[in-house]
Amino acid sequence: MEDDEDCGIKDIQFGFRHFRAPAKRIYGNRNVFLLDIPPNPIASWLSLWMPQLVRSWLQRLLQEWFLPTTVILKERNPTKADSYENEIDTYLHLRSLQGTHIPRLFGEVTVSDPHAQRYQISKRPTPALLLENVEGVSLYNLPTEELGNPRLLRELEDIYNLLTEKGVVHGDPKLHNFLRVNQKIVAIDFELS
């Protein structure tokens, strides 16, 4: 990640789970944060003692208890509420691509942050998306000579074709919104799709 800035602690409500997590603003974007989720002892214990089939079912049913330790929090920008709704709809529409070609959407959460009141008209919690933290290199940060690589261009064309086949046109196709992850491209940021 680039331009990390510590932003204190965020209070998160996700389903039946409430937790506090340290947040770092990423990409210089005022509403996107990297969160370090505290480990959940109940989930750890269940993972050790439950049969795999039951554990898998429970993880799908109660995702909030089985989150990875690092996730992305993307708060709704109050000046772009339609973009937020559009992004949720796009992630749900592209469910089959989550975890492979786009980040996994864990769900919608609410965030209480007394230090972020400057963005809020009211004291109500801010809606936000909790997304998979995809470890990769932004195409923007690749060396210039690699950007012309035919293989990379083919991979980029493949992800565009895949999104288009699913009925989605990436509305913000700048290099920052595509990550190189293990020799494949992952698309992020669907606010304008």
Protein backbone atom coordinates (compact mmCIF):
# COMPACT_ATOMS: atom_id res chain seq x y z
CA MET A 1 0.00 0.00 0.00
CA GLU A 2 1.08 3.57 -0.44
CA ASP A 3 0.50 6.78 1.48
CA ASP A 4 -0.44 4.95 4.71
CA GLU A 5 -1.62 7.31 7.44
CA ASP A 6 -2.60 6.15 10.93
CA CYS A 7 -6.18 7.16 11.66
CA GLY A 8 -6.68 5.82 15.14
CA ILE A 9 -9.29 3.27 16.13
CA LYS A 10 -12.52 2.50 14.27
CA ASP A 11 -15.58 1.06 16.02
CA ILE A 12 -17.11 -1.53 13.68
CA GLN A 13 -20.48 -3.27 13.88
CA PHE A 14 -20.71 -6.25 11.53
CA GLY A 15 -23.74 -8.47 11.99
CA PHE A 16 -23.66 -9.76 15.56
CA ARG A 17 -20.04 -8.74 16.13
CA HIS A 18 -18.76 -5.44 17.45
CA PHE A 19 -15.03 -4.78 17.45
CA ARG A 20 -12.50 -1.99 17.53
CA ALA A 21 -9.62 -1.99 15.06
CA PRO A 22 -6.67 0.28 14.30
CA ALA A 23 -7.05 1.91 10.88
CA LYS A 24 -4.60 3.28 8.33
CA ARG A 25 -5.79 5.48 5.48
CA ILE A 26 -4.50 4.08 2.18
CA TYR A 27 -3.91 5.47 -1.29
CA GLY A 28 -4.41 9.01 0.02
CA ASN A 29 -8.13 8.32 -0.16
CA ARG A 30 -10.08 9.79 2.71
CA ASN A 31 -12.60 6.94 2.94
CA VAL A 32 -10.51 3.77 2.36
CA PHE A 33 -8.67 2.18 5.29
CA LEU A 34 -6.56 -0.86 6.07
CA LEU A 35 -7.84 -2.46 9.28
CA ASP A 36 -6.03 -4.84 11.59
CA ILE A 37 -8.81 -7.02 13.01
CA PRO A 38 -8.21 -8.38 16.51
CA PRO A 39 -8.13 -12.20 16.56
CA ASN A 40 -11.37 -13.82 17.60
CA PRO A 41 -10.74 -16.52 20.24
CA ILE A 42 -14.17 -18.10 19.70
CA ALA A 43 -13.57 -18.56 15.97
CA SER A 44 -10.09 -19.93 16.66
CA TRP A 45 -11.45 -22.44 19.12
CA LEU A 46 -14.29 -23.48 16.79
CA SER A 47 -11.86 -23.89 13.91
CA LEU A 48 -9.84 -26.38 15.93
CA TRP A 49 -12.73 -28.51 17.20
CA MET A 50 -15.40 -28.46 14.49
CA PRO A 51 -15.52 -30.81 11.53
CA GLN A 52 -14.61 -29.06 8.25
CA LEU A 53 -18.12 -29.32 6.78
CA VAL A 54 -19.75 -27.70 9.82
CA ARG A 55 -16.99 -25.07 10.05
CA SER A 56 -17.42 -24.12 6.36
CA TRP A 57 -21.18 -23.78 6.79
CA LEU A 58 -20.75 -21.68 9.93
CA GLN A 59 -18.13 -19.45 8.25
CA ARG A 60 -20.57 -18.65 5.43
CA LEU A 61 -23.45 -18.07 7.84
CA LEU A 62 -21.56 -15.90 10.36
CA GLN A 63 -18.75 -14.28 8.35
CA GLU A 64 -18.24 -11.59 10.95
CA TRP A 65 -16.71 -14.13 13.35
CA PHE A 66 -14.25 -15.59 10.82
CA LEU A 67 -12.66 -12.52 9.25
CA PRO A 68 -9.00 -12.48 8.21
CA THR A 69 -6.73 -10.38 10.41
CA THR A 70 -6.31 -7.65 7.77
CA VAL A 71 -9.18 -6.22 5.69
CA ILE A 72 -10.07 -3.11 3.72
CA LEU A 73 -12.77 -0.78 5.07
CA LYS A 74 -14.35 1.49 2.48
CA GLU A 75 -16.66 4.05 4.08
CA ARG A 76 -19.51 5.64 2.18
CA ASN A 77 -18.60 9.12 1.03
CA PRO A 78 -21.59 11.31 1.99
CA THR A 79 -21.18 13.33 -1.20
CA LYS A 80 -21.26 10.18 -3.36
CA ALA A 81 -24.00 8.00 -1.83
CA ASP A 82 -25.07 6.68 -5.25
CA SER A 83 -21.52 5.49 -5.94
CA TYR A 84 -21.55 3.53 -2.68
CA GLU A 85 -24.81 1.78 -3.57
CA ASN A 86 -23.51 1.11 -7.06
CA GLU A 87 -20.36 -0.50 -5.67
CA ILE A 88 -22.36 -2.82 -3.41
CA ASP A 89 -24.59 -3.84 -6.33
CA THR A 90 -21.55 -4.49 -8.53
CA TYR A 91 -19.86 -6.69 -5.92
CA LEU A 92 -23.06 -8.69 -5.43
CA HIS A 93 -23.51 -9.04 -9.20
CA LEU A 94 -19.89 -10.24 -9.54
CA ARG A 95 -20.10 -12.68 -6.62
CA SER A 96 -18.67 -15.51 -8.77
CA LEU A 97 -15.47 -13.48 -9.39
CA GLN A 98 -14.88 -12.56 -5.75
CA GLY A 99 -11.65 -13.89 -4.28
CA THR A 100 -10.11 -14.55 -7.70
CA HIS A 101 -10.56 -11.60 -10.09
CA ILE A 102 -11.95 -9.01 -7.66
CA PRO A 103 -11.66 -8.68 -3.87
CA ARG A 104 -14.06 -10.64 -1.75
CA LEU A 105 -16.87 -8.58 -0.20
CA PHE A 106 -17.35 -9.72 3.39
CA GLY A 107 -20.34 -7.48 3.92
CA GLU A 108 -21.70 -4.11 4.85
CA VAL A 109 -20.80 -2.72 8.26
CA THR A 110 -21.37 0.46 10.22
CA VAL A 111 -18.52 2.55 11.56
CA SER A 112 -18.54 4.88 14.53
CA ASP A 113 -15.57 7.19 14.59
CA PRO A 114 -15.72 10.32 16.75
CA HIS A 115 -12.67 11.72 14.92
CA ALA A 116 -14.38 11.50 11.52
CA GLN A 117 -17.29 13.74 12.43
CA ARG A 118 -16.03 16.34 9.96
CA TYR A 119 -17.41 14.14 7.15
CA GLN A 120 -20.70 13.44 8.86
CA ILE A 121 -23.71 15.66 9.07
CA SER A 122 -25.21 13.62 11.89
CA LYS A 123 -23.76 11.49 14.67
CA ARG A 124 -25.13 8.29 13.08
CA PRO A 125 -22.66 5.54 12.21
CA THR A 126 -21.26 5.59 8.68
CA PRO A 127 -22.11 2.69 6.35
CA ALA A 128 -19.06 0.94 4.92
CA LEU A 129 -17.94 -2.09 2.95
CA LEU A 130 -15.59 -4.66 4.42
CA LEU A 131 -13.42 -6.09 1.64
CA GLU A 132 -10.61 -8.57 1.24
CA ASN A 133 -7.16 -7.03 1.44
CA VAL A 134 -5.60 -8.07 -1.87
CA GLU A 135 -1.81 -8.11 -1.62
CA GLY A 136 -0.45 -6.98 -4.97
CA VAL A 137 1.20 -4.19 -6.90
CA SER A 138 -0.88 -1.46 -8.46
CA LEU A 139 -0.30 -1.30 -12.22
CA TYR A 140 0.41 2.38 -11.59
CA ASN A 141 3.52 1.36 -9.62
CA LEU A 142 4.91 -1.07 -12.19
CA PRO A 143 8.04 -0.04 -14.06
CA THR A 144 7.20 1.76 -17.32
CA GLU A 145 8.85 -0.92 -19.46
CA GLU A 146 6.62 -3.61 -17.93
CA LEU A 147 3.42 -1.72 -18.83
CA GLY A 148 4.06 -2.45 -22.51
CA ASN A 149 4.61 -6.17 -21.86
CA PRO A 150 2.30 -8.16 -24.19
CA ARG A 151 1.53 -10.67 -21.42
CA LEU A 152 0.42 -7.92 -19.03
CA LEU A 153 -1.70 -6.31 -21.75
CA ARG A 154 -3.31 -9.71 -22.47
CA GLU A 155 -4.06 -10.20 -18.74
CA LEU A 156 -5.61 -6.72 -18.57
CA GLU A 157 -7.69 -7.47 -21.67
CA ASP A 158 -8.79 -10.77 -20.08
CA ILE A 159 -10.07 -9.06 -16.91
CA TYR A 160 -11.92 -6.43 -18.98
CA ASN A 161 -13.50 -9.19 -21.10
CA LEU A 162 -14.47 -11.13 -17.99
CA LEU A 163 -16.15 -8.10 -16.42
CA THR A 164 -17.90 -7.26 -19.70
CA GLU A 165 -19.19 -10.83 -20.08
CA LYS A 166 -20.77 -10.40 -16.63
CA GLY A 167 -22.39 -7.13 -17.75
CA VAL A 168 -20.05 -4.75 -15.93
CA VAL A 169 -17.97 -1.97 -17.46
CA HIS A 170 -15.29 -0.68 -15.09
CA GLY A 171 -16.16 3.00 -14.84
CA ASP A 172 -12.77 4.12 -13.50
CA PRO A 173 -10.17 2.18 -15.52
CA LYS A 174 -7.08 3.98 -14.25
CA LEU A 175 -3.96 1.97 -13.43
CA HIS A 176 -4.49 2.42 -9.66
CA ASN A 177 -7.63 0.26 -9.89
CA PHE A 178 -5.88 -2.86 -11.16
CA LEU A 179 -3.44 -4.91 -9.11
CA ARG A 180 -0.87 -7.45 -10.28
CA VAL A 181 -1.22 -10.45 -7.98
CA ASN A 182 0.74 -13.65 -8.64
CA GLN A 183 0.93 -13.10 -12.40
CA LYS A 184 -2.75 -12.18 -12.79
CA ILE A 185 -4.74 -8.96 -12.66
CA VAL A 186 -7.29 -8.18 -9.94
CA ALA A 187 -9.75 -5.30 -10.49
CA ILE A 188 -10.70 -3.05 -7.57
CA ASP A 189 -12.89 0.02 -6.96
CA PHE A 190 -16.30 -0.35 -8.57
CA GLU A 191 -17.91 2.93 -7.46
CA LEU A 192 -18.33 4.13 -11.03
CA SER A 193 -19.10 0.78 -12.69
